[in-house]
C-alpha atoms as a PDB file:
ATOM      1  CA  MET A   1      55.038 -34.483 -34.882  1.00  0.00           C
ATOM      2  CA  PHE A   2      56.529 -31.756 -37.079  1.00  0.00           C
ATOM      3  CA  ASN A   3      56.076 -28.152 -36.065  1.00  0.00           C
ATOM      4  CA  ASN A   4      55.996 -25.063 -38.258  1.00  0.00           C
ATOM      5  CA  THR A   5      59.191 -23.493 -36.902  1.00  0.00           C
ATOM      6  CA  ASP A   6      61.484 -26.410 -37.772  1.00  0.00           C
ATOM      7  CA  LYS A   7      62.753 -26.491 -41.334  1.00  0.00           C
ATOM      8  CA  SER A   8      64.590 -29.815 -41.316  1.00  0.00           C
ATOM      9  CA  TYR A   9      64.459 -33.124 -39.518  1.00  0.00           C
ATOM     10  CA  PRO A  10      67.078 -35.804 -38.807  1.00  0.00           C
ATOM     11  CA  ILE A  11      66.913 -39.142 -40.567  1.00  0.00           C
ATOM     12  CA  GLU A  12      65.940 -41.093 -37.439  1.00  0.00           C
ATOM     13  CA  LEU A  13      62.839 -38.950 -36.835  1.00  0.00           C
ATOM     14  CA  VAL A  14      61.793 -39.117 -40.504  1.00  0.00           C
ATOM     15  CA  ALA A  15      62.288 -42.895 -40.660  1.00  0.00           C
ATOM     16  CA  ASP A  16      60.185 -43.331 -37.529  1.00  0.00           C
ATOM     17  CA  PHE A  17      57.439 -41.059 -38.889  1.00  0.00           C
ATOM     18  CA  LEU A  18      57.338 -42.914 -42.224  1.00  0.00           C
ATOM     19  CA  GLY A  19      57.455 -46.328 -40.554  1.00  0.00           C
ATOM     20  CA  VAL A  20      60.607 -47.380 -42.375  1.00  0.00           C
ATOM     21  CA  ASN A  21      64.156 -48.173 -41.389  1.00  0.00           C
ATOM     22  CA  SER A  22      66.753 -45.419 -41.799  1.00  0.00           C
ATOM     23  CA  ARG A  23      68.548 -47.781 -44.194  1.00  0.00           C
ATOM     24  CA  THR A  24      65.507 -47.523 -46.473  1.00  0.00           C
ATOM     25  CA  LEU A  25      66.019 -43.760 -46.623  1.00  0.00           C
ATOM     26  CA  TYR A  26      69.710 -44.285 -47.450  1.00  0.00           C
ATOM     27  CA  TYR A  27      68.567 -46.650 -50.211  1.00  0.00           C
ATOM     28  CA  TYR A  28      66.160 -44.048 -51.620  1.00  0.00           C
ATOM     29  CA  GLU A  29      68.954 -41.489 -51.570  1.00  0.00           C
ATOM     30  CA  ARG A  30      71.269 -43.879 -53.382  1.00  0.00           C
ATOM     31  CA  PHE A  31      68.757 -44.039 -56.247  1.00  0.00           C
ATOM     32  CA  SER A  32      68.243 -40.256 -56.125  1.00  0.00           C
ATOM     33  CA  LEU A  33      64.628 -40.506 -54.983  1.00  0.00           C
ATOM     34  CA  VAL A  34      65.379 -37.891 -52.344  1.00  0.00           C
ATOM     35  CA  CYS A  35      68.251 -35.465 -51.851  1.00  0.00           C
ATOM     36  CA  PRO A  36      68.337 -34.461 -48.174  1.00  0.00           C
ATOM     37  CA  ALA A  37      70.386 -31.502 -47.008  1.00  0.00           C
ATOM     38  CA  ARG A  38      73.627 -32.387 -45.310  1.00  0.00           C
ATOM     39  CA  ARG A  39      75.402 -30.838 -42.405  1.00  0.00           C
ATOM     40  CA  GLY A  40      78.660 -32.665 -42.032  1.00  0.00           C
ATOM     41  CA  ARG A  41      77.827 -36.371 -42.168  1.00  0.00           C
ATOM     42  CA  LYS A  42      74.239 -35.921 -40.973  1.00  0.00           C
ATOM     43  CA  ARG A  43      71.228 -35.825 -43.271  1.00  0.00           C
ATOM     44  CA  TYR A  44      68.280 -33.531 -42.723  1.00  0.00           C
ATOM     45  CA  TYR A  45      64.949 -33.779 -44.520  1.00  0.00           C
ATOM     46  CA  SER A  46      62.651 -30.846 -45.283  1.00  0.00           C
ATOM     47  CA  LYS A  47      58.867 -30.978 -45.012  1.00  0.00           C
ATOM     48  CA  GLN A  48      58.754 -31.201 -48.811  1.00  0.00           C
ATOM     49  CA  ASP A  49      61.156 -34.169 -48.725  1.00  0.00           C
ATOM     50  CA  ILE A  50      58.898 -35.861 -46.190  1.00  0.00           C
ATOM     51  CA  SER A  51      55.752 -35.232 -48.286  1.00  0.00           C
ATOM     52  CA  TRP A  52      57.563 -36.634 -51.312  1.00  0.00           C
ATOM     53  CA  LEU A  53      58.671 -39.740 -49.403  1.00  0.00           C
ATOM     54  CA  GLU A  54      55.133 -40.284 -48.119  1.00  0.00           C
ATOM     55  CA  TYR A  55      53.889 -40.217 -51.697  1.00  0.00           C
ATOM     56  CA  ILE A  56      56.578 -42.649 -52.859  1.00  0.00           C
ATOM     57  CA  ARG A  57      55.618 -44.972 -50.007  1.00  0.00           C
ATOM     58  CA  GLU A  58      51.961 -44.703 -51.054  1.00  0.00           C
ATOM     59  CA  LEU A  59      52.837 -45.539 -54.674  1.00  0.00           C
ATOM     60  CA  MET A  60      54.785 -48.581 -53.551  1.00  0.00           C
ATOM     61  CA  TYR A  61      52.520 -50.004 -50.867  1.00  0.00           C
ATOM     62  CA  ASP A  62      49.046 -48.787 -51.808  1.00  0.00           C
ATOM     63  CA  GLN A  63      49.323 -48.653 -55.601  1.00  0.00           C
ATOM     64  CA  GLY A  64      51.651 -51.655 -55.983  1.00  0.00           C
ATOM     65  CA  MET A  65      54.336 -49.891 -58.016  1.00  0.00           C
ATOM     66  CA  ASN A  66      57.887 -51.075 -57.685  1.00  0.00           C
ATOM     67  CA  LEU A  67      60.806 -48.758 -57.055  1.00  0.00           C
ATOM     68  CA  ARG A  68      62.194 -49.184 -60.550  1.00  0.00           C
ATOM     69  CA  SER A  69      58.908 -48.042 -62.134  1.00  0.00           C
ATOM     70  CA  ILE A  70      58.791 -44.980 -59.911  1.00  0.00           C
ATOM     71  CA  ILE A  71      62.377 -44.082 -60.816  1.00  0.00           C
ATOM     72  CA  VAL A  72      61.651 -44.465 -64.549  1.00  0.00           C
ATOM     73  CA  LEU A  73      58.591 -42.213 -64.293  1.00  0.00           C
ATOM     74  CA  ILE A  74      60.552 -39.581 -62.395  1.00  0.00           C
ATOM     75  CA  LYS A  75      63.479 -39.606 -64.807  1.00  0.00           C
ATOM     76  CA  ARG A  76      61.061 -39.254 -67.726  1.00  0.00           C
ATOM     77  CA  ARG A  77      59.431 -36.393 -65.805  1.00  0.00           C
ATOM     78  CA  ASP A  78      56.172 -38.145 -66.516  1.00  0.00           C
ATOM     79  CA  ASN A  79      53.042 -36.485 -65.171  1.00  0.00           C
ATOM     80  CA  VAL A  80      51.562 -39.953 -64.553  1.00  0.00           C
ATOM     81  CA  ILE A  81      53.271 -39.915 -61.178  1.00  0.00           C
ATOM     82  CA  LEU A  82      51.369 -36.772 -60.183  1.00  0.00           C
ATOM     83  CA  THR A  83      47.832 -37.985 -60.837  1.00  0.00           C
ATOM     84  CA  ARG A  84      45.709 -37.798 -57.673  1.00  0.00           C
ATOM     85  CA  CYS A  85      48.598 -36.042 -56.028  1.00  0.00           C
ATOM     86  CA  PRO A  86      48.065 -33.328 -53.375  1.00  0.00           C
ATOM     87  CA  GLU A  87      49.395 -29.864 -54.215  1.00  0.00           C
ATOM     88  CA  ASP A  88      52.117 -29.963 -51.554  1.00  0.00           C
ATOM     89  CA  VAL A  89      53.417 -33.209 -53.053  1.00  0.00           C
ATOM     90  CA  VAL A  90      53.383 -31.677 -56.542  1.00  0.00           C
ATOM     91  CA  ASN A  91      55.463 -28.832 -55.123  1.00  0.00           C
ATOM     92  CA  SER A  92      57.785 -31.408 -53.538  1.00  0.00           C
ATOM     93  CA  PHE A  93      58.087 -33.159 -56.900  1.00  0.00           C
ATOM     94  CA  LYS A  94      59.008 -29.899 -58.650  1.00  0.00           C
ATOM     95  CA  ASN A  95      61.491 -29.121 -55.877  1.00  0.00           C
ATOM     96  CA  TYR A  96      62.921 -32.627 -56.238  1.00  0.00           C
ATOM     97  CA  LEU A  97      63.339 -32.185 -60.003  1.00  0.00           C
ATOM     98  CA  MET A  98      65.210 -28.919 -59.460  1.00  0.00           C
ATOM     99  CA  LYS A  99      67.538 -30.683 -57.005  1.00  0.00           C
ATOM    100  CA  MET A 100      68.055 -33.475 -59.553  1.00  0.00           C
ATOM    101  CA  ASP A 101      69.001 -30.924 -62.241  1.00  0.00           C
ATOM    102  CA  ASP A 102      71.527 -29.375 -59.845  1.00  0.00           C
ATOM    103  CA  TYR A 103      72.809 -32.807 -58.823  1.00  0.00           C
ATOM    104  CA  PHE A 104      73.476 -34.139 -62.325  1.00  0.00           C
END
């Protein structure tokens, strides 16, 4: 679905790929779980953002964690969230933390 030449993807494509509603992605952004790039009023997600969102979805649906717990672990920069985590997701997490530092 995603090719190697594209660097960012619109919210509708990402929502469809993840099997969620675009409003869910807005919700995640509201709680600073993801910080997509913006061009005007449109949001674009990188491959790292998508990997990160896949992992969050896995934590919620497969591991049974709630969103609040995930947010607490992230804000504490707790390595618990990275156990059994693929390297590309770890890189996404580090990228996410850098964006959070710039954001706040």
